[in-house]
Amino acid sequence: MKMWSGRFRQPLDPQFERWQRSFDFDRRLLSYELAASGAHARALKNAGVLNADELIGILEGLQQIGETFSPVSQKMRDPSTSSGQAVVQTTEPVDDEAEDVHHFVEKQLAARIGDLGYKLHSGRSRNEQIATDLRLYVRAAIDELRSQLAGVCGTLTGRAEQAGSAAMPAYTHLQHAEPVLVAHWLLAYVEMFLRDAERLADCRKRVNLCPLGSGAVAGATLRLDRVFMADQLDFAAPTANSIDATSDRDFVLEFVNALSLLSLHLSRWAEEMILFSTQEFGFVHLPEAYSTGSSAMPQKKNPDLLELVRGKAGRIAGNAAALAMTLKGLPMAYNKDLQETQQPVFDAADTALGFLPLVAGFMKAVEFDHARMNEASQSGFMNAWAGATYLVGRGVPSRLAHEQIGRAVKMCLEKNCELQDLGLDELRGLHPAFDESFYDCLKPAAVLAIHDVVGGTAPTRVRQGIAAAKKKIESLREEVRIHAHA
C-alpha cells in the first residue's frame, strides 16, 4: 500500500514508478530512520496518542527491523544502538515496492505488528523524516571523519618527530627558496588538516538540530514535545521554523563544501608527494604497498594512491557543485528535487572516508631520503636571505643588503659556485661590511636557526610546533570520544 494513494484514481506509470523511487540509495539511512522513529513513538506516547503497550509493540518492531537489516556500505556510528558501535552486516534491505526508506520501515513494521505499525506515522511527514535522517547521517559522518583526520595528523606529527634535524628545500613558485626542516614541512599539512577538522566541527553545530515535529511544512498536527525528541537523538535543540526545517539542505551543502576543501588539501599533499618521488627530486621512495606497476614497462613503480587521491578531489568538488545547482532557485518548502541531494552527499562522504585511512597508511610506510633532501637544501643560493640578514645586522639598510647579496649571487653564477665559495676580498669589493663571520651565517644550521619566530623553521620553534600539534590532536580525539559516547 502506498503512503499517499487514497485520492488517486489511476496507478502510476510503471516506468515512472521505478524511476522516482529513492529506496535503492536512501536505504542506507535505515538505522537513522529507526532511531528517529523510536523518538517519535516515545513522543506519541507522551502526547497520549499511544498507550504503554502500543509503544512497547512499536519499539520492539523497530528493534526487530534493525536486527534483521543493516544499511548498505555503512560503517559509521549507528544512533539506534546503545553501544554506539557500527551495525554488524546482516540482511541487505531489499524491496521492489518500497518508495523510500520511510515506506520500507512502515511496511516492515506493519508486517511484524499489524495495523499498529501504521499508527506510528501519526502527526508526522516524510518531509521532516528525511530532513532528520540526513542530519543524523551527516553528524555521524563528521564524527568519523574527524576521528580519521586525528589519525592522519597523528601520523604526520610522528613522522615529523622522526625526521629530527633533517632539512630540505622549501619552494616558492616551485623554485628553490630557503631550507626548512623536513618536520616543518610535514607540520604544514597538519595545520591544514586540523583546520579541516575544525571546519567540520563548526558545520556539526548547524547540523545538530532536530526537525522532528515540523510536519510537512507548518508543524506537527499533534502537540508533540519537540525538545524531548531532540534530546532522545542527542540533538542540541529542535529546529526553529517548520518551513525552513523541512526544506533546509544548507547543512548538506556546507558539509560537502568542507569535504571539498579537505580533498583539495589532500590533492596538494598528493601532488607534492608525486613530485618528490620522481627521479628528478628523489626525496620520497614510494611504498610498494600503495603503488602499482606498468603492464608495458617492467621498471615502473607508479604513485597510484596519490594520483587517485588527487583525482577524487575533483569528484568531491563535483558533488558540491551538483548540490548547489540542485538547491538553486527552489521555492520553499519541500520539493522532490531535494531527493537529488542524497546521492552527492553519500558519495562525497564515502570518498573521503575511503581515502583518509589509506593516506594515514601511506604516510606510515613512505620513506624519505633525508640525505638527498639535506644535500638539496644546501645548494641553489637558499642561504641568500640569511646573507642579506647578516648585512642588515651590521647596519646595512635592508634594500641595499638585498642588492649586495643579489650582486654576489650574480658573481657566483658567473663562477659556477655558491655564496660560501666566494673569497672575502671579492665580497668586500661589493661592500665593506663583509668579514669572516659572514661564512658562519651561511652554514645550514645557522640558516635554519635564524628563523627563530613563532611558526618559523628554527629547530627550537619546530619542536614547539610538534608539541603544540600533539596537544591539538589529543584535544580533537577527546572531542570525538565525547561525541561517540553522547
Protein backbone atom coordinates (compact mmCIF):
# COMPACT_ATOMS: atom_id res chain seq x y z
CA MET A 1 0.00 0.00 0.00
CA LYS A 2 1.28 3.47 -0.90
CA MET A 3 1.64 6.06 1.86
CA TRP A 4 -0.35 8.58 -0.20
CA SER A 5 -2.59 6.68 -2.66
CA GLY A 6 -6.03 7.39 -1.19
CA ARG A 7 -7.00 10.24 -3.52
CA PHE A 8 -5.59 8.72 -6.72
CA ARG A 9 -7.84 7.09 -9.32
CA GLN A 10 -5.13 5.65 -11.57
CA PRO A 11 -1.95 3.75 -10.78
CA LEU A 12 1.44 5.24 -11.53
CA ASP A 13 3.08 4.58 -14.85
CA PRO A 14 5.30 1.54 -14.08
CA GLN A 15 8.41 3.09 -15.62
CA PHE A 16 7.86 6.35 -13.72
CA GLU A 17 7.23 4.47 -10.51
CA ARG A 18 10.57 2.67 -10.75
CA TRP A 19 12.37 5.83 -11.82
CA GLN A 20 11.09 8.04 -8.98
CA ARG A 21 11.87 5.63 -6.15
CA SER A 22 14.78 6.52 -3.85
CA PHE A 23 14.94 3.32 -1.81
CA ASP A 24 17.90 1.96 -3.77
CA PHE A 25 20.09 4.68 -2.27
CA ASP A 26 18.29 6.03 0.80
CA ARG A 27 18.07 2.56 2.36
CA ARG A 28 21.49 3.30 3.80
CA LEU A 29 19.66 5.69 6.15
CA LEU A 30 17.80 2.78 7.72
CA SER A 31 19.48 2.94 11.15
CA TYR A 32 18.82 6.67 11.37
CA GLU A 33 15.20 6.21 10.29
CA LEU A 34 14.73 3.60 13.01
CA ALA A 35 16.29 5.86 15.65
CA ALA A 36 14.13 8.83 14.63
CA SER A 37 11.02 6.63 14.53
CA GLY A 38 11.74 5.44 18.06
CA ALA A 39 11.98 9.04 19.29
CA HIS A 40 8.71 9.90 17.53
CA ALA A 41 6.98 6.87 19.04
CA ARG A 42 8.00 7.91 22.55
CA ALA A 43 6.73 11.42 21.89
CA LEU A 44 3.41 9.96 20.71
CA LYS A 45 3.16 8.04 23.98
CA ASN A 46 3.86 11.23 25.97
CA ALA A 47 1.16 13.02 23.95
CA GLY A 48 -1.40 10.31 24.73
CA VAL A 49 -1.63 9.00 21.15
CA LEU A 50 -0.08 5.65 22.07
CA ASN A 51 -0.60 3.68 25.25
CA ALA A 52 2.24 1.88 27.00
CA ASP A 53 1.58 -1.47 25.33
CA GLU A 54 1.41 0.12 21.89
CA LEU A 55 4.69 1.91 22.47
CA ILE A 56 6.36 -1.32 23.52
CA GLY A 57 4.97 -3.08 20.45
CA ILE A 58 6.25 -0.40 18.09
CA LEU A 59 9.69 -0.18 19.72
CA GLU A 60 10.06 -3.96 19.64
CA GLY A 61 9.05 -3.97 15.98
CA LEU A 62 11.61 -1.27 15.15
CA GLN A 63 14.26 -3.22 17.02
CA GLN A 64 13.43 -6.36 15.05
CA ILE A 65 13.81 -4.45 11.79
CA GLY A 66 17.19 -3.19 12.92
CA GLU A 67 18.29 -6.69 13.88
CA THR A 68 17.16 -8.10 10.55
CA PHE A 69 18.53 -5.49 8.21
CA SER A 70 21.54 -3.22 8.17
CA PRO A 71 22.45 -0.27 5.96
CA VAL A 72 24.48 -0.82 2.83
CA SER A 73 28.13 0.41 2.91
CA GLN A 74 27.55 1.97 6.30
CA LYS A 75 30.49 1.86 8.69
CA MET A 76 29.72 4.89 10.80
CA ARG A 77 28.32 5.07 14.30
CA ASP A 78 24.73 3.86 14.42
CA PRO A 79 22.48 6.04 16.62
CA SER A 80 19.93 3.26 17.04
CA THR A 81 22.35 1.13 19.07
CA SER A 82 23.02 1.97 22.69
CA SER A 83 26.65 0.92 22.35
CA GLY A 84 27.27 3.45 19.60
CA GLN A 85 29.13 0.82 17.58
CA ALA A 86 28.78 0.07 13.88
CA VAL A 87 26.00 -2.34 12.99
CA VAL A 88 27.08 -5.86 12.05
CA GLN A 89 26.08 -6.54 8.44
CA THR A 90 23.00 -8.75 8.36
CA THR A 91 20.45 -8.85 5.55
CA GLU A 92 20.57 -6.12 2.94
CA PRO A 93 17.22 -4.31 2.84
CA VAL A 94 15.56 -5.12 -0.48
CA ASP A 95 12.01 -4.25 -1.50
CA ASP A 96 10.73 -3.83 -5.05
CA GLU A 97 7.72 -1.83 -3.90
CA ALA A 98 9.06 0.48 -1.19
CA GLU A 99 9.33 4.05 -2.47
CA ASP A 100 11.88 5.06 0.10
CA VAL A 101 13.35 4.07 3.44
CA HIS A 102 10.35 5.56 5.29
CA HIS A 103 7.91 3.45 3.29
CA PHE A 104 10.12 0.40 3.81
CA VAL A 105 10.09 0.78 7.59
CA GLU A 106 6.32 1.28 7.67
CA LYS A 107 5.78 -1.86 5.57
CA GLN A 108 8.19 -3.89 7.68
CA LEU A 109 6.62 -2.66 10.91
CA ALA A 110 3.08 -3.48 9.77
CA ALA A 111 4.22 -6.93 8.69
CA ARG A 112 5.51 -7.56 12.21
CA ILE A 113 2.93 -5.92 14.48
CA GLY A 114 -0.11 -5.45 12.25
CA ASP A 115 -2.14 -2.27 11.84
CA LEU A 116 -0.49 -0.80 14.94
CA GLY A 117 2.51 -0.18 12.69
CA TYR A 118 0.51 2.39 10.72
CA LYS A 119 -0.17 4.34 13.90
CA LEU A 120 3.48 5.38 14.10
CA HIS A 121 3.00 7.89 11.29
CA SER A 122 0.54 9.91 13.38
CA GLY A 123 1.42 13.60 13.35
CA ARG A 124 4.49 13.36 11.14
CA SER A 125 5.52 13.71 7.49
CA ARG A 126 8.21 12.17 5.33
CA ASN A 127 9.44 15.73 4.76
CA GLU A 128 10.60 16.00 8.37
CA GLN A 129 11.74 12.37 8.43
CA ILE A 130 14.25 12.69 5.59
CA ALA A 131 15.49 16.01 6.99
CA THR A 132 16.12 14.29 10.32
CA ASP A 133 17.70 11.16 8.84
CA LEU A 134 20.10 13.21 6.73
CA ARG A 135 21.14 15.29 9.73
CA LEU A 136 21.84 12.13 11.72
CA TYR A 137 23.84 10.73 8.80
CA VAL A 138 25.92 13.88 8.30
CA ARG A 139 26.55 14.19 12.03
CA ALA A 140 27.84 10.62 12.20
CA ALA A 141 29.97 11.16 9.08
CA ILE A 142 31.51 14.28 10.61
CA ASP A 143 32.41 12.42 13.80
CA GLU A 144 34.03 9.60 11.84
CA LEU A 145 35.89 11.98 9.53
CA ARG A 146 37.25 13.97 12.45
CA SER A 147 38.43 10.76 14.05
CA GLN A 148 40.22 9.79 10.85
CA LEU A 149 41.73 13.26 10.50
CA ALA A 150 43.14 12.90 14.00
CA GLY A 151 44.78 9.69 12.81
CA VAL A 152 46.28 11.33 9.72
CA CYS A 153 47.56 14.29 11.76
CA GLY A 154 48.99 11.94 14.37
CA THR A 155 50.89 10.03 11.70
CA LEU A 156 52.24 13.21 10.12
CA THR A 157 53.34 14.53 13.51
CA GLY A 158 55.04 11.23 14.29
CA ARG A 159 56.97 11.38 11.02
CA ALA A 160 57.92 14.98 11.82
CA GLU A 161 59.42 13.83 15.11
CA GLN A 162 61.30 11.04 13.36
CA ALA A 163 62.76 13.50 10.84
CA GLY A 164 64.72 15.22 13.61
CA SER A 165 67.22 17.75 12.25
CA ALA A 166 66.86 16.70 8.59
CA ALA A 167 66.46 19.67 6.25
CA MET A 168 65.00 20.08 2.78
CA PRO A 169 64.42 22.86 0.27
CA ALA A 170 61.26 24.91 0.61
CA TYR A 171 59.85 26.29 -2.62
CA THR A 172 58.05 29.38 -3.80
CA HIS A 173 56.88 29.44 -7.42
CA LEU A 174 58.23 25.84 -7.41
CA GLN A 175 61.75 27.33 -7.31
CA HIS A 176 64.31 26.88 -4.54
CA ALA A 177 63.54 29.40 -1.79
CA GLU A 178 65.00 28.60 1.65
CA PRO A 179 65.91 25.50 3.62
CA VAL A 180 63.42 24.25 6.20
CA LEU A 181 63.31 21.27 8.48
CA VAL A 182 61.51 18.27 7.00
CA ALA A 183 59.45 18.32 10.20
CA HIS A 184 58.39 21.90 9.46
CA TRP A 185 57.14 20.88 6.01
CA LEU A 186 55.14 17.96 7.44
CA LEU A 187 53.63 20.16 10.15
CA ALA A 188 52.29 22.48 7.45
CA TYR A 189 49.97 19.66 6.37
CA VAL A 190 49.00 19.00 9.97
CA GLU A 191 47.81 22.61 10.19
CA MET A 192 45.76 22.21 7.01
CA PHE A 193 44.05 19.04 8.22
CA LEU A 194 43.41 20.42 11.70
CA ARG A 195 41.61 23.34 10.05
CA ASP A 196 39.54 20.82 8.12
CA ALA A 197 38.64 19.10 11.39
CA GLU A 198 37.67 22.47 12.92
CA ARG A 199 35.60 23.32 9.86
CA LEU A 200 33.70 20.05 10.19
CA ALA A 201 33.14 20.71 13.90
CA ASP A 202 31.71 24.12 13.06
CA CYS A 203 29.43 22.55 10.45
CA ARG A 204 28.32 20.00 13.05
CA LYS A 205 26.87 22.77 15.22
CA ARG A 206 24.41 23.71 12.47
CA VAL A 207 23.74 20.06 11.61
CA ASN A 208 22.89 19.19 15.20
CA LEU A 209 19.30 20.50 15.26
CA CYS A 210 16.25 18.26 15.15
CA PRO A 211 13.49 18.71 12.52
CA LEU A 212 11.14 16.14 14.13
CA GLY A 213 7.80 17.75 14.87
CA SER A 214 7.96 20.07 11.85
CA GLY A 215 5.31 18.09 9.97
CA ALA A 216 5.03 18.55 6.22
CA VAL A 217 5.60 22.31 6.33
CA ALA A 218 3.56 24.02 9.07
CA GLY A 219 4.47 21.95 12.13
CA ALA A 220 3.06 18.76 13.64
CA THR A 221 -0.72 18.50 13.98
CA LEU A 222 -0.29 16.84 17.39
CA ARG A 223 1.15 18.55 20.48
CA LEU A 224 4.43 16.67 20.36
CA ASP A 225 7.28 17.57 22.68
CA ARG A 226 9.95 18.60 20.18
CA VAL A 227 12.57 19.24 22.86
CA PHE A 228 12.06 15.70 24.14
CA MET A 229 12.52 14.23 20.65
CA ALA A 230 15.65 16.29 20.07
CA ASP A 231 17.08 15.09 23.37
CA GLN A 232 16.27 11.47 22.50
CA LEU A 233 18.52 11.75 19.43
CA ASP A 234 21.28 13.79 21.12
CA PHE A 235 20.44 16.90 19.09
CA ALA A 236 21.27 20.22 20.72
CA ALA A 237 17.76 21.61 20.15
CA PRO A 238 14.77 21.49 17.80
CA THR A 239 14.87 23.50 14.58
CA ALA A 240 13.28 26.94 14.97
CA ASN A 241 10.98 27.10 11.93
CA SER A 242 8.99 24.28 10.36
CA ILE A 243 9.15 25.71 6.82
CA ASP A 244 12.92 26.03 6.98
CA ALA A 245 13.36 22.70 8.74
CA THR A 246 11.68 20.67 6.00
CA SER A 247 13.38 22.44 3.11
CA ASP A 248 16.83 23.22 4.54
CA ARG A 249 19.75 21.40 2.95
CA ASP A 250 22.33 24.07 3.79
CA PHE A 251 23.92 21.62 6.20
CA VAL A 252 24.42 19.09 3.37
CA LEU A 253 25.99 21.67 1.07
CA GLU A 254 28.15 23.06 3.88
CA PHE A 255 29.32 19.54 4.77
CA VAL A 256 30.26 18.64 1.20
CA ASN A 257 31.94 22.02 0.72
CA ALA A 258 34.04 21.26 3.81
CA LEU A 259 34.92 17.89 2.27
CA SER A 260 35.77 19.70 -0.95
CA LEU A 261 38.37 21.79 0.88
CA LEU A 262 39.68 18.74 2.72
CA SER A 263 40.12 16.91 -0.57
CA LEU A 264 41.80 19.99 -2.06
CA HIS A 265 44.36 19.88 0.77
CA LEU A 266 44.89 16.18 0.18
CA SER A 267 45.30 16.83 -3.52
CA ARG A 268 48.06 19.35 -2.77
CA TRP A 269 49.72 16.80 -0.48
CA ALA A 270 49.45 14.13 -3.17
CA GLU A 271 50.91 16.41 -5.82
CA GLU A 272 53.98 17.20 -3.70
CA MET A 273 54.49 13.55 -2.88
CA ILE A 274 54.27 12.70 -6.58
CA LEU A 275 56.79 15.39 -7.49
CA PHE A 276 59.17 14.47 -4.69
CA SER A 277 59.03 10.78 -5.64
CA THR A 278 60.31 11.41 -9.18
CA GLN A 279 63.93 10.66 -10.02
CA GLU A 280 64.45 14.38 -10.60
CA PHE A 281 63.74 15.08 -6.92
CA GLY A 282 64.32 11.73 -5.24
CA PHE A 283 63.17 12.92 -1.82
CA VAL A 284 60.48 10.26 -1.41
CA HIS A 285 60.56 6.50 -2.01
CA LEU A 286 57.06 5.23 -2.78
CA PRO A 287 55.90 2.34 -0.58
CA GLU A 288 55.18 -0.69 -2.73
CA ALA A 289 52.06 -1.48 -0.71
CA TYR A 290 50.46 1.70 -2.10
CA SER A 291 51.87 1.66 -5.65
CA THR A 292 51.37 -0.37 -8.81
CA GLY A 293 53.45 -1.22 -11.85
CA SER A 294 53.13 -0.85 -15.58
CA SER A 295 51.79 -3.57 -17.86
CA ALA A 296 54.27 -2.42 -20.52
CA MET A 297 57.35 -1.06 -18.71
CA PRO A 298 58.80 -3.52 -16.20
CA GLN A 299 60.80 -0.91 -14.26
CA LYS A 300 57.85 1.31 -13.31
CA LYS A 301 56.51 1.97 -9.83
CA ASN A 302 53.56 4.31 -10.15
CA PRO A 303 52.07 6.53 -7.40
CA ASP A 304 48.53 5.21 -7.84
CA LEU A 305 47.24 6.06 -4.37
CA LEU A 306 48.49 9.62 -4.71
CA GLU A 307 47.04 10.05 -8.19
CA LEU A 308 43.66 8.68 -7.13
CA VAL A 309 43.54 10.95 -4.08
CA ARG A 310 44.33 13.86 -6.40
CA GLY A 311 41.65 12.71 -8.85
CA LYS A 312 38.96 12.14 -6.22
CA ALA A 313 39.27 15.76 -5.12
CA GLY A 314 37.58 16.65 -8.39
CA ARG A 315 34.84 14.13 -7.71
CA ILE A 316 34.04 15.65 -4.31
CA ALA A 317 34.13 19.18 -5.73
CA GLY A 318 31.75 17.98 -8.44
CA ASN A 319 29.34 16.73 -5.77
CA ALA A 320 29.42 20.15 -4.10
CA ALA A 321 28.64 21.82 -7.42
CA ALA A 322 25.80 19.38 -8.09
CA LEU A 323 24.26 20.15 -4.69
CA ALA A 324 24.48 23.90 -5.25
CA MET A 325 22.79 23.61 -8.64
CA THR A 326 20.04 21.37 -7.24
CA LEU A 327 19.24 23.82 -4.45
CA LYS A 328 19.48 26.95 -6.59
CA GLY A 329 16.09 28.56 -7.14
CA LEU A 330 13.99 26.07 -5.15
CA PRO A 331 10.89 27.65 -3.60
CA MET A 332 10.11 26.71 -0.02
CA ALA A 333 9.41 24.28 1.42
CA TYR A 334 9.88 20.64 0.38
CA ASN A 335 10.27 19.81 -3.31
CA LYS A 336 11.02 16.42 -4.83
CA ASP A 337 14.24 17.96 -6.21
CA LEU A 338 15.63 17.54 -2.70
CA GLN A 339 15.73 13.80 -3.28
CA GLU A 340 18.69 14.55 -5.57
CA THR A 341 20.71 15.92 -2.64
CA GLN A 342 21.19 12.50 -1.11
CA GLN A 343 23.48 10.70 -3.56
CA PRO A 344 26.05 13.53 -3.80
CA VAL A 345 26.42 13.68 -0.01
CA PHE A 346 26.67 9.90 0.25
CA ASP A 347 29.29 9.76 -2.49
CA ALA A 348 31.34 12.64 -1.06
CA ALA A 349 31.33 11.13 2.44
CA ASP A 350 32.14 7.65 1.15
CA THR A 351 35.01 9.03 -0.92
CA ALA A 352 36.55 10.94 1.98
CA LEU A 353 36.01 8.12 4.46
CA GLY A 354 37.59 5.76 1.95
CA PHE A 355 40.84 7.58 1.29
CA LEU A 356 41.72 9.04 4.71
CA PRO A 357 42.78 5.69 6.25
CA LEU A 358 44.84 5.00 3.13
CA VAL A 359 46.56 8.38 3.43
CA ALA A 360 47.48 7.55 7.03
CA GLY A 361 48.77 4.14 5.94
CA PHE A 362 50.83 5.69 3.14
CA MET A 363 52.41 8.23 5.49
CA LYS A 364 53.39 5.48 7.92
CA ALA A 365 55.05 3.46 5.16
CA VAL A 366 56.66 6.15 2.97
CA GLU A 367 60.45 6.55 3.13
CA PHE A 368 62.19 9.93 2.98
CA ASP A 369 65.71 10.20 1.60
CA HIS A 370 66.96 12.59 4.25
CA ALA A 371 70.50 12.61 2.87
CA ARG A 372 69.32 13.74 -0.54
CA MET A 373 66.92 16.28 0.98
CA ASN A 374 69.72 17.70 3.13
CA GLU A 375 72.03 17.92 0.14
CA ALA A 376 69.41 19.71 -1.93
CA SER A 377 68.81 22.19 0.89
CA GLN A 378 72.43 23.39 0.68
CA SER A 379 72.58 24.45 -2.95
CA GLY A 380 70.86 26.94 -5.20
CA PHE A 381 71.61 30.02 -3.03
CA MET A 382 68.97 29.15 -0.45
CA ASN A 383 71.14 30.88 2.14
CA ALA A 384 70.91 34.19 0.27
CA TRP A 385 68.33 35.75 2.57
CA ALA A 386 70.44 34.70 5.55
CA GLY A 387 73.32 36.55 3.89
CA ALA A 388 71.22 39.67 3.47
CA THR A 389 70.09 39.38 7.10
CA TYR A 390 73.77 39.25 8.09
CA LEU A 391 74.37 42.60 6.38
CA VAL A 392 71.24 44.10 7.98
CA GLY A 393 72.65 43.06 11.34
CA ARG A 394 75.78 45.02 10.52
CA GLY A 395 73.85 48.21 9.85
CA VAL A 396 73.28 47.94 6.09
CA PRO A 397 69.72 49.05 5.10
CA SER A 398 67.60 46.08 4.08
CA ARG A 399 67.07 47.13 0.47
CA LEU A 400 70.80 47.75 -0.01
CA ALA A 401 71.67 44.46 1.70
CA HIS A 402 69.31 42.69 -0.70
CA GLU A 403 71.03 44.39 -3.64
CA GLN A 404 74.56 43.43 -2.50
CA ILE A 405 73.67 39.76 -1.96
CA GLY A 406 71.97 39.77 -5.36
CA ARG A 407 75.22 41.02 -6.88
CA ALA A 408 77.11 38.31 -5.00
CA VAL A 409 74.73 35.67 -6.44
CA LYS A 410 75.34 37.04 -9.94
CA MET A 411 79.08 36.72 -9.32
CA CYS A 412 78.57 33.10 -8.22
CA LEU A 413 76.57 32.31 -11.34
CA GLU A 414 79.43 33.57 -13.46
CA LYS A 415 81.93 31.50 -11.48
CA ASN A 416 79.61 28.46 -11.09
CA CYS A 417 79.89 28.39 -7.29
CA GLU A 418 77.85 29.05 -4.14
CA LEU A 419 77.95 32.12 -1.88
CA GLN A 420 80.19 30.43 0.64
CA ASP A 421 82.76 29.79 -2.09
CA LEU A 422 83.40 33.47 -2.76
CA GLY A 423 86.57 34.93 -1.29
CA LEU A 424 86.44 37.64 1.36
CA ASP A 425 88.18 40.10 -0.95
CA GLU A 426 85.50 39.53 -3.57
CA LEU A 427 82.78 40.12 -1.00
CA ARG A 428 84.41 43.28 0.34
CA GLY A 429 84.63 44.52 -3.18
CA LEU A 430 80.84 44.56 -3.06
CA HIS A 431 80.51 46.09 0.42
CA PRO A 432 82.93 46.74 3.31
CA ALA A 433 80.50 45.30 5.87
CA PHE A 434 81.51 41.73 4.94
CA ASP A 435 84.03 39.95 7.17
CA GLU A 436 84.98 36.38 8.13
CA SER A 437 81.84 35.92 10.23
CA PHE A 438 79.78 36.00 7.03
CA TYR A 439 80.69 32.39 6.27
CA ASP A 440 79.30 31.16 9.59
CA CYS A 441 75.91 32.72 8.86
CA LEU A 442 75.70 30.71 5.62
CA LYS A 443 76.06 27.30 7.29
CA PRO A 444 72.91 25.15 7.20
CA ALA A 445 72.36 25.15 10.96
CA ALA A 446 72.70 28.95 11.11
CA VAL A 447 70.35 29.46 8.18
CA LEU A 448 67.70 27.37 9.92
CA ALA A 449 68.28 28.93 13.33
CA ILE A 450 67.84 32.49 12.07
CA HIS A 451 64.12 31.85 11.51
CA ASP A 452 63.55 31.94 15.26
CA VAL A 453 59.97 33.22 15.42
CA VAL A 454 56.70 31.55 16.32
CA GLY A 455 55.83 29.33 13.38
CA GLY A 456 59.35 29.53 11.95
CA THR A 457 61.64 26.66 10.96
CA ALA A 458 64.26 27.20 13.68
CA PRO A 459 64.70 23.80 15.39
CA THR A 460 63.52 25.09 18.77
CA ARG A 461 60.38 26.51 17.16
CA VAL A 462 59.70 23.30 15.26
CA ARG A 463 59.98 21.28 18.47
CA GLN A 464 57.45 23.65 19.98
CA GLY A 465 55.28 23.16 16.88
CA ILE A 466 55.36 19.39 17.29
CA ALA A 467 54.37 19.66 20.95
CA ALA A 468 51.54 22.06 20.09
CA ALA A 469 50.31 19.79 17.29
CA LYS A 470 50.22 16.82 19.67
CA LYS A 471 48.04 18.79 22.08
CA LYS A 472 45.66 19.82 19.31
CA ILE A 473 45.40 16.25 18.05
CA GLU A 474 44.70 14.90 21.53
CA SER A 475 42.04 17.59 22.01
CA LEU A 476 40.48 16.55 18.70
CA ARG A 477 40.48 12.90 19.74
CA GLU A 478 38.87 13.79 23.06
CA GLU A 479 36.10 15.72 21.29
CA VAL A 480 35.46 12.72 19.05
CA ARG A 481 35.35 10.42 22.10
CA ILE A 482 32.83 12.68 23.83
CA HIS A 483 30.55 12.67 20.78
CA ALA A 484 30.92 8.90 20.43
CA HIS A 485 29.63 8.37 23.97
CA ALA A 486 26.95 11.07 23.89
